[in-house]
Amino acid sequence: MKISNFALFRNLSEKEVENITRHARVFKFQQGSTVISRGAYIDFVYFIRSGRVKESTYTRAGKEVVFNMLSVGDCFGLVSPFSNETSNSEFVASTDCEVFAISVTQFLSLMGTNSSFTQSIVSEIARVSTVLSDKLYEIRAFDVAARTQAELLRHASGAPDEINSKYVEIENLPTHEEIANTIFTHREAVTKEISKLRKSGVIIKTARNKLAADIDMLQNMVGVA
């Protein structure tokens, strides 16, 4: 995936993209490797080229709390250019992954010379804030079944199924354990709910051996249609 394919850079000139590409660093992380430690200063803004990255923290009792499961096209460390504080989260490679890394200095320089880029950043920060607010509401207002459905809905953004177009592939689906940690439940509960959805036909397995969801049915179940 090229830098120009990331949403934040689509309005930049070819010259600006070339400049970023020339100065960007590429890091590869094996599954389970720490990308950013909790309490560390963030010197780069990261863009995921392949794989998945998990953003999480831990309670005093040692239970993991997952904030986000980030995948191809997502970015993280976006607030770091505006803050000298250390990271409140830990970012770990959930799979083998590759990221572009742009230094905070270069990022701020680009913001100073391109207003449309700055507007894109503000929009992205607002979007992430809305997602986290929605998750907080779901944790307080939804039962486990609805929280599982809502999380699956977030990842159902792939291509329509080749055989049945009303089903959309669920891209970069986290493990049942990761979903459970994201929605504050346990893995067995998530497995049980996904099994129910498959039996009822809300979720099917595609010819490419991926899961696909009937978006209309999921939205109706969650109550967002």
C-alpha atoms as a PDB file:
ATOM      1  CA  MET A   1       0.000   0.000   0.000  1.00  0.00           C
ATOM      2  CA  LYS A   2       1.427   3.369  -1.044  1.00  0.00           C
ATOM      3  CA  ILE A   3       1.395   6.451   1.159  1.00  0.00           C
ATOM      4  CA  SER A   4      -0.834   8.202  -1.378  1.00  0.00           C
ATOM      5  CA  ASN A   5      -3.531   5.555  -0.746  1.00  0.00           C
ATOM      6  CA  PHE A   6      -4.006   6.640   2.876  1.00  0.00           C
ATOM      7  CA  ALA A   7      -6.991   8.924   3.354  1.00  0.00           C
ATOM      8  CA  LEU A   8      -4.988  11.692   5.056  1.00  0.00           C
ATOM      9  CA  PHE A   9      -2.731  12.138   2.024  1.00  0.00           C
ATOM     10  CA  ARG A  10      -5.207  11.963  -0.845  1.00  0.00           C
ATOM     11  CA  ASN A  11      -5.512  15.752  -1.166  1.00  0.00           C
ATOM     12  CA  LEU A  12      -1.775  16.367  -1.233  1.00  0.00           C
ATOM     13  CA  SER A  13       0.121  17.260  -4.389  1.00  0.00           C
ATOM     14  CA  GLU A  14       2.283  14.676  -6.090  1.00  0.00           C
ATOM     15  CA  LYS A  15       5.370  16.624  -4.990  1.00  0.00           C
ATOM     16  CA  GLU A  16       4.258  16.605  -1.347  1.00  0.00           C
ATOM     17  CA  VAL A  17       3.560  12.868  -1.441  1.00  0.00           C
ATOM     18  CA  GLU A  18       6.965  12.227  -3.002  1.00  0.00           C
ATOM     19  CA  ASN A  19       8.599  14.272  -0.239  1.00  0.00           C
ATOM     20  CA  ILE A  20       6.800  12.305   2.482  1.00  0.00           C
ATOM     21  CA  THR A  21       7.633   8.996   0.826  1.00  0.00           C
ATOM     22  CA  ARG A  22      11.309   9.962   0.628  1.00  0.00           C
ATOM     23  CA  HIS A  23      11.503  10.793   4.333  1.00  0.00           C
ATOM     24  CA  ALA A  24       9.118   8.177   5.730  1.00  0.00           C
ATOM     25  CA  ARG A  25      10.576   5.165   7.465  1.00  0.00           C
ATOM     26  CA  VAL A  26       9.239   1.636   7.065  1.00  0.00           C
ATOM     27  CA  PHE A  27       9.123  -0.642  10.088  1.00  0.00           C
ATOM     28  CA  LYS A  28       8.258  -4.325  10.162  1.00  0.00           C
ATOM     29  CA  PHE A  29       6.979  -5.983  13.325  1.00  0.00           C
ATOM     30  CA  GLN A  30       6.436  -9.641  14.059  1.00  0.00           C
ATOM     31  CA  GLN A  31       3.234 -10.785  15.709  1.00  0.00           C
ATOM     32  CA  GLY A  32       3.332  -9.967  19.409  1.00  0.00           C
ATOM     33  CA  SER A  33       6.009  -7.274  19.062  1.00  0.00           C
ATOM     34  CA  THR A  34       5.503  -3.954  20.829  1.00  0.00           C
ATOM     35  CA  VAL A  35       5.261  -0.988  18.484  1.00  0.00           C
ATOM     36  CA  ILE A  36       4.754   1.653  21.205  1.00  0.00           C
ATOM     37  CA  SER A  37       5.079   0.928  24.908  1.00  0.00           C
ATOM     38  CA  ARG A  38       2.725   2.442  27.447  1.00  0.00           C
ATOM     39  CA  GLY A  39       4.475   5.421  29.011  1.00  0.00           C
ATOM     40  CA  ALA A  40       6.785   5.985  26.040  1.00  0.00           C
ATOM     41  CA  TYR A  41       7.095   9.215  24.089  1.00  0.00           C
ATOM     42  CA  ILE A  42       5.794   8.932  20.528  1.00  0.00           C
ATOM     43  CA  ASP A  43       8.219  10.319  17.950  1.00  0.00           C
ATOM     44  CA  PHE A  44       6.320   9.211  14.846  1.00  0.00           C
ATOM     45  CA  VAL A  45       2.852   9.046  13.371  1.00  0.00           C
ATOM     46  CA  TYR A  46       2.267   5.502  12.107  1.00  0.00           C
ATOM     47  CA  PHE A  47       0.313   4.279   9.073  1.00  0.00           C
ATOM     48  CA  ILE A  48      -0.483   0.587   8.721  1.00  0.00           C
ATOM     49  CA  ARG A  49       0.563  -0.834   5.378  1.00  0.00           C
ATOM     50  CA  SER A  50      -0.209  -4.468   6.184  1.00  0.00           C
ATOM     51  CA  GLY A  51      -1.365  -6.513   9.166  1.00  0.00           C
ATOM     52  CA  ARG A  52      -3.106  -5.433  12.376  1.00  0.00           C
ATOM     53  CA  VAL A  53      -2.108  -3.457  15.463  1.00  0.00           C
ATOM     54  CA  LYS A  54      -3.871  -3.632  18.824  1.00  0.00           C
ATOM     55  CA  GLU A  55      -4.203  -0.584  21.068  1.00  0.00           C
ATOM     56  CA  SER A  56      -4.767  -1.567  24.693  1.00  0.00           C
ATOM     57  CA  THR A  57      -3.987  -1.023  28.344  1.00  0.00           C
ATOM     58  CA  TYR A  58      -4.247  -3.113  31.506  1.00  0.00           C
ATOM     59  CA  THR A  59      -6.232  -2.767  34.702  1.00  0.00           C
ATOM     60  CA  ARG A  60      -4.524  -2.966  38.099  1.00  0.00           C
ATOM     61  CA  ALA A  61      -5.699  -6.570  38.272  1.00  0.00           C
ATOM     62  CA  GLY A  62      -3.858  -7.316  35.031  1.00  0.00           C
ATOM     63  CA  LYS A  63      -6.906  -7.611  32.742  1.00  0.00           C
ATOM     64  CA  GLU A  64      -6.336  -6.324  29.239  1.00  0.00           C
ATOM     65  CA  VAL A  65      -8.656  -3.591  27.973  1.00  0.00           C
ATOM     66  CA  VAL A  66      -8.590  -3.214  24.173  1.00  0.00           C
ATOM     67  CA  PHE A  67      -9.402   0.238  22.829  1.00  0.00           C
ATOM     68  CA  ASN A  68      -8.923  -0.388  19.116  1.00  0.00           C
ATOM     69  CA  MET A  69      -8.038  -3.062  16.602  1.00  0.00           C
ATOM     70  CA  LEU A  70      -6.301  -1.169  13.807  1.00  0.00           C
ATOM     71  CA  SER A  71      -5.771  -2.562  10.315  1.00  0.00           C
ATOM     72  CA  VAL A  72      -4.595  -1.632   6.812  1.00  0.00           C
ATOM     73  CA  GLY A  73      -5.235   2.042   6.058  1.00  0.00           C
ATOM     74  CA  ASP A  74      -5.515   3.063   9.713  1.00  0.00           C
ATOM     75  CA  CYS A  75      -3.102   5.358  11.514  1.00  0.00           C
ATOM     76  CA  PHE A  76      -2.109   5.845  15.142  1.00  0.00           C
ATOM     77  CA  GLY A  77      -0.039   8.299  17.138  1.00  0.00           C
ATOM     78  CA  LEU A  78      -2.012  11.064  15.463  1.00  0.00           C
ATOM     79  CA  VAL A  79      -2.315  13.141  18.641  1.00  0.00           C
ATOM     80  CA  SER A  80       1.418  12.960  19.396  1.00  0.00           C
ATOM     81  CA  PRO A  81       2.343  16.023  17.283  1.00  0.00           C
ATOM     82  CA  PHE A  82       0.153  18.155  19.562  1.00  0.00           C
ATOM     83  CA  SER A  83       1.236  16.721  22.899  1.00  0.00           C
ATOM     84  CA  ASN A  84       4.481  16.162  24.733  1.00  0.00           C
ATOM     85  CA  GLU A  85       2.850  13.580  26.987  1.00  0.00           C
ATOM     86  CA  THR A  86       3.715   9.908  27.001  1.00  0.00           C
ATOM     87  CA  SER A  87       1.413   7.286  25.518  1.00  0.00           C
ATOM     88  CA  ASN A  88      -1.464   6.105  27.716  1.00  0.00           C
ATOM     89  CA  SER A  89      -1.852   3.026  25.523  1.00  0.00           C
ATOM     90  CA  GLU A  90       0.297   0.139  24.397  1.00  0.00           C
ATOM     91  CA  PHE A  91       0.386  -0.673  20.681  1.00  0.00           C
ATOM     92  CA  VAL A  92       1.232  -4.287  19.824  1.00  0.00           C
ATOM     93  CA  ALA A  93       1.373  -6.083  16.473  1.00  0.00           C
ATOM     94  CA  SER A  94      -1.615  -8.405  16.519  1.00  0.00           C
ATOM     95  CA  THR A  95      -0.257 -10.047  13.341  1.00  0.00           C
ATOM     96  CA  ASP A  96       2.958  -9.620  11.392  1.00  0.00           C
ATOM     97  CA  CYS A  97       2.664  -6.071  10.116  1.00  0.00           C
ATOM     98  CA  GLU A  98       4.417  -3.296   8.235  1.00  0.00           C
ATOM     99  CA  VAL A  99       3.966   0.421   8.890  1.00  0.00           C
ATOM    100  CA  PHE A 100       5.029   3.745   7.448  1.00  0.00           C
ATOM    101  CA  ALA A 101       6.369   6.102  10.122  1.00  0.00           C
ATOM    102  CA  ILE A 102       6.502   9.871   9.655  1.00  0.00           C
ATOM    103  CA  SER A 103       8.394  11.925  12.205  1.00  0.00           C
ATOM    104  CA  VAL A 104       6.400  14.338  14.329  1.00  0.00           C
ATOM    105  CA  THR A 105       8.618  17.182  13.073  1.00  0.00           C
ATOM    106  CA  GLN A 106       7.840  16.462   9.424  1.00  0.00           C
ATOM    107  CA  PHE A 107       4.173  15.937  10.211  1.00  0.00           C
ATOM    108  CA  LEU A 108       3.900  19.369  11.852  1.00  0.00           C
ATOM    109  CA  SER A 109       5.795  20.958   8.980  1.00  0.00           C
ATOM    110  CA  LEU A 110       3.328  19.534   6.489  1.00  0.00           C
ATOM    111  CA  MET A 111       0.397  20.790   8.555  1.00  0.00           C
ATOM    112  CA  GLY A 112       1.884  24.279   8.522  1.00  0.00           C
ATOM    113  CA  THR A 113       1.971  24.399   4.728  1.00  0.00           C
ATOM    114  CA  ASN A 114      -1.237  22.581   3.761  1.00  0.00           C
ATOM    115  CA  SER A 115      -4.625  23.574   5.170  1.00  0.00           C
ATOM    116  CA  SER A 116      -6.513  20.699   3.517  1.00  0.00           C
ATOM    117  CA  PHE A 117      -4.147  18.231   5.182  1.00  0.00           C
ATOM    118  CA  THR A 118      -4.796  19.878   8.545  1.00  0.00           C
ATOM    119  CA  GLN A 119      -8.552  19.645   7.961  1.00  0.00           C
ATOM    120  CA  SER A 120      -8.178  15.938   7.187  1.00  0.00           C
ATOM    121  CA  ILE A 121      -6.331  15.412  10.469  1.00  0.00           C
ATOM    122  CA  VAL A 122      -9.017  17.236  12.460  1.00  0.00           C
ATOM    123  CA  SER A 123     -11.697  15.130  10.756  1.00  0.00           C
ATOM    124  CA  GLU A 124      -9.827  11.902  11.524  1.00  0.00           C
ATOM    125  CA  ILE A 125      -9.347  12.818  15.184  1.00  0.00           C
ATOM    126  CA  ALA A 126     -13.069  13.656  15.411  1.00  0.00           C
ATOM    127  CA  ARG A 127     -13.951  10.318  13.764  1.00  0.00           C
ATOM    128  CA  VAL A 128     -11.828   8.327  16.219  1.00  0.00           C
ATOM    129  CA  SER A 129     -13.356  10.259  19.120  1.00  0.00           C
ATOM    130  CA  THR A 130     -16.840   9.385  17.866  1.00  0.00           C
ATOM    131  CA  VAL A 131     -15.961   5.694  17.542  1.00  0.00           C
ATOM    132  CA  LEU A 132     -14.670   5.583  21.109  1.00  0.00           C
ATOM    133  CA  SER A 133     -17.758   7.424  22.370  1.00  0.00           C
ATOM    134  CA  ASP A 134     -19.984   4.926  20.562  1.00  0.00           C
ATOM    135  CA  LYS A 135     -18.098   2.031  22.141  1.00  0.00           C
ATOM    136  CA  LEU A 136     -18.472   3.543  25.602  1.00  0.00           C
ATOM    137  CA  TYR A 137     -22.218   3.936  25.044  1.00  0.00           C
ATOM    138  CA  GLU A 138     -22.518   0.347  23.821  1.00  0.00           C
ATOM    139  CA  ILE A 139     -20.691  -0.994  26.881  1.00  0.00           C
ATOM    140  CA  ARG A 140     -23.147   0.792  29.172  1.00  0.00           C
ATOM    141  CA  ALA A 141     -26.335   0.289  27.147  1.00  0.00           C
ATOM    142  CA  PHE A 142     -26.010  -3.012  25.212  1.00  0.00           C
ATOM    143  CA  ASP A 143     -25.926  -6.620  26.311  1.00  0.00           C
ATOM    144  CA  VAL A 144     -23.144  -8.954  25.128  1.00  0.00           C
ATOM    145  CA  ALA A 145     -25.055 -10.063  22.031  1.00  0.00           C
ATOM    146  CA  ALA A 146     -25.612  -6.498  20.803  1.00  0.00           C
ATOM    147  CA  ARG A 147     -22.030  -5.471  21.613  1.00  0.00           C
ATOM    148  CA  THR A 148     -20.722  -8.423  19.586  1.00  0.00           C
ATOM    149  CA  GLN A 149     -23.004  -7.509  16.681  1.00  0.00           C
ATOM    150  CA  ALA A 150     -21.896  -3.869  16.774  1.00  0.00           C
ATOM    151  CA  GLU A 151     -18.219  -4.857  16.745  1.00  0.00           C
ATOM    152  CA  LEU A 152     -18.732  -7.173  13.767  1.00  0.00           C
ATOM    153  CA  LEU A 153     -20.580  -4.373  11.985  1.00  0.00           C
ATOM    154  CA  ARG A 154     -17.538  -2.098  12.346  1.00  0.00           C
ATOM    155  CA  HIS A 155     -15.371  -4.616  10.504  1.00  0.00           C
ATOM    156  CA  ALA A 156     -17.883  -5.466   7.757  1.00  0.00           C
ATOM    157  CA  SER A 157     -16.420  -3.162   5.149  1.00  0.00           C
ATOM    158  CA  GLY A 158     -15.035  -5.535   2.547  1.00  0.00           C
ATOM    159  CA  ALA A 159     -16.239  -6.521  -0.895  1.00  0.00           C
ATOM    160  CA  PRO A 160     -19.714  -8.025  -1.514  1.00  0.00           C
ATOM    161  CA  ASP A 161     -19.785 -11.806  -1.547  1.00  0.00           C
ATOM    162  CA  GLU A 162     -19.341 -13.243  -5.053  1.00  0.00           C
ATOM    163  CA  ILE A 163     -22.399 -15.492  -4.729  1.00  0.00           C
ATOM    164  CA  ASN A 164     -24.757 -13.445  -2.557  1.00  0.00           C
ATOM    165  CA  SER A 165     -24.234  -9.688  -2.895  1.00  0.00           C
ATOM    166  CA  LYS A 166     -26.265  -8.781   0.202  1.00  0.00           C
ATOM    167  CA  TYR A 167     -23.415 -10.184   2.306  1.00  0.00           C
ATOM    168  CA  VAL A 168     -20.272  -8.090   2.835  1.00  0.00           C
ATOM    169  CA  GLU A 169     -16.968  -9.643   3.838  1.00  0.00           C
ATOM    170  CA  ILE A 170     -15.695  -8.858   7.314  1.00  0.00           C
ATOM    171  CA  GLU A 171     -12.174  -7.564   6.732  1.00  0.00           C
ATOM    172  CA  ASN A 172      -9.330  -8.093   9.203  1.00  0.00           C
ATOM    173  CA  LEU A 173     -11.599  -9.729  11.747  1.00  0.00           C
ATOM    174  CA  PRO A 174      -9.960  -9.794  15.195  1.00  0.00           C
ATOM    175  CA  THR A 175      -9.808 -13.048  17.139  1.00  0.00           C
ATOM    176  CA  HIS A 176     -12.669 -13.920  19.484  1.00  0.00           C
ATOM    177  CA  GLU A 177     -10.361 -13.127  22.402  1.00  0.00           C
ATOM    178  CA  GLU A 178      -9.556  -9.679  20.987  1.00  0.00           C
ATOM    179  CA  ILE A 179     -13.235  -8.918  20.368  1.00  0.00           C
ATOM    180  CA  ALA A 180     -14.027 -10.015  23.919  1.00  0.00           C
ATOM    181  CA  ASN A 181     -11.399  -7.685  25.366  1.00  0.00           C
ATOM    182  CA  THR A 182     -12.732  -4.843  23.228  1.00  0.00           C
ATOM    183  CA  ILE A 183     -16.358  -5.213  24.367  1.00  0.00           C
ATOM    184  CA  PHE A 184     -15.599  -6.177  27.990  1.00  0.00           C
ATOM    185  CA  THR A 185     -16.687  -9.788  28.076  1.00  0.00           C
ATOM    186  CA  HIS A 186     -15.022 -13.194  27.749  1.00  0.00           C
ATOM    187  CA  ARG A 187     -14.039 -15.208  24.687  1.00  0.00           C
ATOM    188  CA  GLU A 188     -16.623 -17.946  25.224  1.00  0.00           C
ATOM    189  CA  ALA A 189     -19.446 -15.384  25.119  1.00  0.00           C
ATOM    190  CA  VAL A 190     -18.213 -13.969  21.800  1.00  0.00           C
ATOM    191  CA  THR A 191     -17.827 -17.452  20.285  1.00  0.00           C
ATOM    192  CA  LYS A 192     -21.364 -18.303  21.390  1.00  0.00           C
ATOM    193  CA  GLU A 193     -22.857 -15.153  19.840  1.00  0.00           C
ATOM    194  CA  ILE A 194     -21.002 -15.551  16.537  1.00  0.00           C
ATOM    195  CA  SER A 195     -22.155 -19.181  16.382  1.00  0.00           C
ATOM    196  CA  LYS A 196     -25.763 -17.995  16.803  1.00  0.00           C
ATOM    197  CA  LEU A 197     -25.345 -15.456  14.008  1.00  0.00           C
ATOM    198  CA  ARG A 198     -23.990 -18.129  11.668  1.00  0.00           C
ATOM    199  CA  LYS A 199     -26.853 -20.513  12.462  1.00  0.00           C
ATOM    200  CA  SER A 200     -29.418 -17.786  11.809  1.00  0.00           C
ATOM    201  CA  GLY A 201     -27.798 -16.824   8.485  1.00  0.00           C
ATOM    202  CA  VAL A 202     -26.733 -13.325   9.533  1.00  0.00           C
ATOM    203  CA  ILE A 203     -23.136 -14.429   8.976  1.00  0.00           C
ATOM    204  CA  ILE A 204     -21.934 -16.893   6.337  1.00  0.00           C
ATOM    205  CA  LYS A 205     -18.569 -18.228   5.197  1.00  0.00           C
ATOM    206  CA  THR A 206     -17.573 -17.143   1.684  1.00  0.00           C
ATOM    207  CA  ALA A 207     -15.890 -19.107  -1.077  1.00  0.00           C
ATOM    208  CA  ARG A 208     -12.645 -17.431  -0.003  1.00  0.00           C
ATOM    209  CA  ASN A 209     -13.100 -18.942   3.472  1.00  0.00           C
ATOM    210  CA  LYS A 210     -13.844 -15.552   5.021  1.00  0.00           C
ATOM    211  CA  LEU A 211     -16.830 -14.508   7.091  1.00  0.00           C
ATOM    212  CA  ALA A 212     -19.398 -12.212   5.510  1.00  0.00           C
ATOM    213  CA  ALA A 213     -22.331 -10.445   7.147  1.00  0.00           C
ATOM    214  CA  ASP A 214     -25.779  -9.391   6.024  1.00  0.00           C
ATOM    215  CA  ILE A 215     -25.356  -5.680   6.814  1.00  0.00           C
ATOM    216  CA  ASP A 216     -29.082  -4.882   6.827  1.00  0.00           C
ATOM    217  CA  MET A 217     -29.821  -7.650   9.306  1.00  0.00           C
ATOM    218  CA  LEU A 218     -26.904  -6.688  11.563  1.00  0.00           C
ATOM    219  CA  GLN A 219     -27.953  -3.024  11.546  1.00  0.00           C
ATOM    220  CA  ASN A 220     -31.516  -3.945  12.442  1.00  0.00           C
ATOM    221  CA  MET A 221     -30.317  -6.149  15.290  1.00  0.00           C
ATOM    222  CA  VAL A 222     -28.070  -3.422  16.671  1.00  0.00           C
ATOM    223  CA  GLY A 223     -30.721  -0.778  16.077  1.00  0.00           C
ATOM    224  CA  VAL A 224     -28.793   1.573  13.803  1.00  0.00           C
ATOM    225  CA  ALA A 225     -30.769   1.101  10.601  1.00  0.00           C
END
